[in-house]
């Protein structure tokens, strides 16, 4: 019973929040429906969000897509993400995305030793 009351309160709060949201218009939109595995779409909203994507048929019925989307952050800077999505997964690129530091030099040596051990049949359990 307590769970149902909590659920009802959350639903009321969410509905109230939804009603107070600002309407953001779509100011431009084009779309090419899928034909022979190719599709494209792009749009721009009134608050500066932009999206463009082209997709083609990939291997085994999978779709290959590449595109770009951008949006203004809370400071007014435009954040842009370019991506490819294919059989290797979603691969985003953007100046704002964190990049891992390079591996220390000794890691390459350790990986080489591990490969030699696997080739020699050594197994650690």
Protein backbone atom coordinates (compact mmCIF):
# COMPACT_ATOMS: atom_id res chain seq x y z
CA UNK A 1 0.00 0.00 0.00
CA UNK A 2 2.84 2.38 0.86
CA UNK A 3 4.39 1.63 -2.50
CA UNK A 4 1.15 2.53 -4.31
CA UNK A 5 0.93 5.85 -2.45
CA UNK A 6 4.55 6.60 -3.29
CA UNK A 7 3.93 5.68 -6.92
CA UNK A 8 0.89 7.97 -7.03
CA UNK A 9 2.87 10.86 -5.56
CA UNK A 10 5.66 10.36 -8.09
CA UNK A 11 3.12 10.28 -10.93
CA UNK A 12 1.50 13.52 -9.74
CA UNK A 13 4.89 15.23 -9.40
CA UNK A 14 5.93 14.06 -12.87
CA UNK A 15 2.66 15.24 -14.41
CA UNK A 16 3.02 18.64 -12.75
CA UNK A 17 6.60 18.95 -14.02
CA UNK A 18 5.50 17.96 -17.52
CA UNK A 19 2.84 20.69 -17.61
CA UNK A 20 5.35 23.36 -16.58
CA UNK A 21 7.81 22.54 -19.37
CA UNK A 22 8.41 25.05 -22.11
CA UNK A 23 7.23 24.16 -25.61
CA UNK A 24 10.24 23.97 -27.93
CA UNK A 25 9.35 24.06 -31.63
CA UNK A 26 11.00 22.12 -34.41
CA UNK A 27 12.08 24.88 -36.81
CA UNK A 28 13.45 22.70 -39.62
CA UNK A 29 13.08 19.03 -40.51
CA UNK A 30 13.80 16.86 -43.52
CA UNK A 31 13.52 13.13 -43.77
CA UNK A 32 14.14 10.49 -46.40
CA UNK A 33 12.27 7.34 -45.52
CA UNK A 34 14.18 4.07 -45.97
CA UNK A 35 14.59 3.03 -49.60
CA UNK A 36 16.86 0.09 -50.44
CA UNK A 37 18.49 0.36 -47.04
CA UNK A 38 19.26 4.09 -47.22
CA UNK A 39 17.60 6.68 -45.02
CA UNK A 40 18.42 10.18 -43.88
CA UNK A 41 17.00 12.67 -41.46
CA UNK A 42 17.86 15.98 -39.92
CA UNK A 43 16.17 18.53 -37.76
CA UNK A 44 16.76 21.70 -35.83
CA UNK A 45 14.82 22.81 -32.77
CA UNK A 46 14.10 26.28 -31.49
CA UNK A 47 16.50 25.88 -28.56
CA UNK A 48 19.56 25.18 -30.72
CA UNK A 49 19.53 21.38 -30.85
CA UNK A 50 20.53 20.02 -34.25
CA UNK A 51 20.63 16.44 -35.50
CA UNK A 52 21.59 14.90 -38.85
CA UNK A 53 22.01 11.21 -39.69
CA UNK A 54 22.43 9.02 -42.76
CA UNK A 55 22.00 5.27 -42.55
CA UNK A 56 22.66 2.42 -44.94
CA UNK A 57 22.01 -1.30 -44.77
CA UNK A 58 24.86 -3.19 -43.16
CA UNK A 59 25.87 -6.80 -42.82
CA UNK A 60 23.24 -9.31 -41.69
CA UNK A 61 20.39 -6.82 -41.80
CA UNK A 62 22.14 -4.42 -39.50
CA UNK A 63 22.10 -0.68 -40.10
CA UNK A 64 25.22 1.45 -40.47
CA UNK A 65 24.69 5.05 -39.47
CA UNK A 66 26.78 8.14 -39.24
CA UNK A 67 25.76 11.52 -38.10
CA UNK A 68 26.23 14.56 -35.96
CA UNK A 69 24.23 16.24 -33.23
CA UNK A 70 24.85 19.43 -31.33
CA UNK A 71 23.27 21.34 -28.49
CA UNK A 72 24.08 24.37 -26.36
CA UNK A 73 25.33 23.61 -22.86
CA UNK A 74 24.33 25.54 -19.75
CA UNK A 75 27.03 28.16 -20.49
CA UNK A 76 25.95 28.73 -24.10
CA UNK A 77 28.82 26.72 -25.65
CA UNK A 78 27.82 24.50 -28.56
CA UNK A 79 28.61 20.84 -27.86
CA UNK A 80 28.99 18.78 -31.03
CA UNK A 81 29.17 15.00 -31.25
CA UNK A 82 30.00 13.17 -34.47
CA UNK A 83 29.37 9.45 -34.50
CA UNK A 84 29.43 6.22 -36.43
CA UNK A 85 27.19 3.33 -35.38
CA UNK A 86 27.80 -0.03 -37.03
CA UNK A 87 28.71 -3.63 -36.22
CA UNK A 88 31.50 -2.27 -33.99
CA UNK A 89 29.05 -0.31 -31.84
CA UNK A 90 28.38 3.36 -31.23
CA UNK A 91 31.58 5.37 -31.70
CA UNK A 92 31.19 9.01 -30.67
CA UNK A 93 33.79 11.73 -31.19
CA UNK A 94 33.74 15.20 -29.71
CA UNK A 95 36.14 17.76 -28.26
CA UNK A 96 34.26 17.61 -24.94
CA UNK A 97 34.53 13.83 -24.49
CA UNK A 98 37.20 12.60 -22.06
CA UNK A 99 40.20 10.77 -23.47
CA UNK A 100 42.05 8.13 -21.52
CA UNK A 101 45.68 8.91 -20.77
CA UNK A 102 48.26 6.85 -22.64
CA UNK A 103 49.22 3.55 -21.03
CA UNK A 104 52.53 3.51 -19.19
CA UNK A 105 55.47 2.08 -21.17
CA UNK A 106 55.69 -1.09 -19.05
CA UNK A 107 52.15 -2.12 -20.06
CA UNK A 108 53.27 -2.92 -23.63
CA UNK A 109 56.00 -5.17 -22.22
CA UNK A 110 53.54 -6.95 -19.92
CA UNK A 111 51.13 -7.55 -22.80
CA UNK A 112 53.99 -8.98 -24.87
CA UNK A 113 54.95 -11.34 -22.02
CA UNK A 114 51.31 -12.45 -21.64
CA UNK A 115 51.09 -13.18 -25.39
CA UNK A 116 54.28 -15.27 -25.20
CA UNK A 117 52.87 -17.22 -22.25
CA UNK A 118 49.61 -17.91 -24.10
CA UNK A 119 51.56 -19.09 -27.15
CA UNK A 120 53.59 -21.42 -24.93
CA UNK A 121 50.39 -22.88 -23.47
CA UNK A 122 50.83 -21.42 -20.03
CA UNK A 123 47.47 -20.91 -18.32
CA UNK A 124 46.95 -19.19 -14.98
CA UNK A 125 43.86 -20.08 -12.99
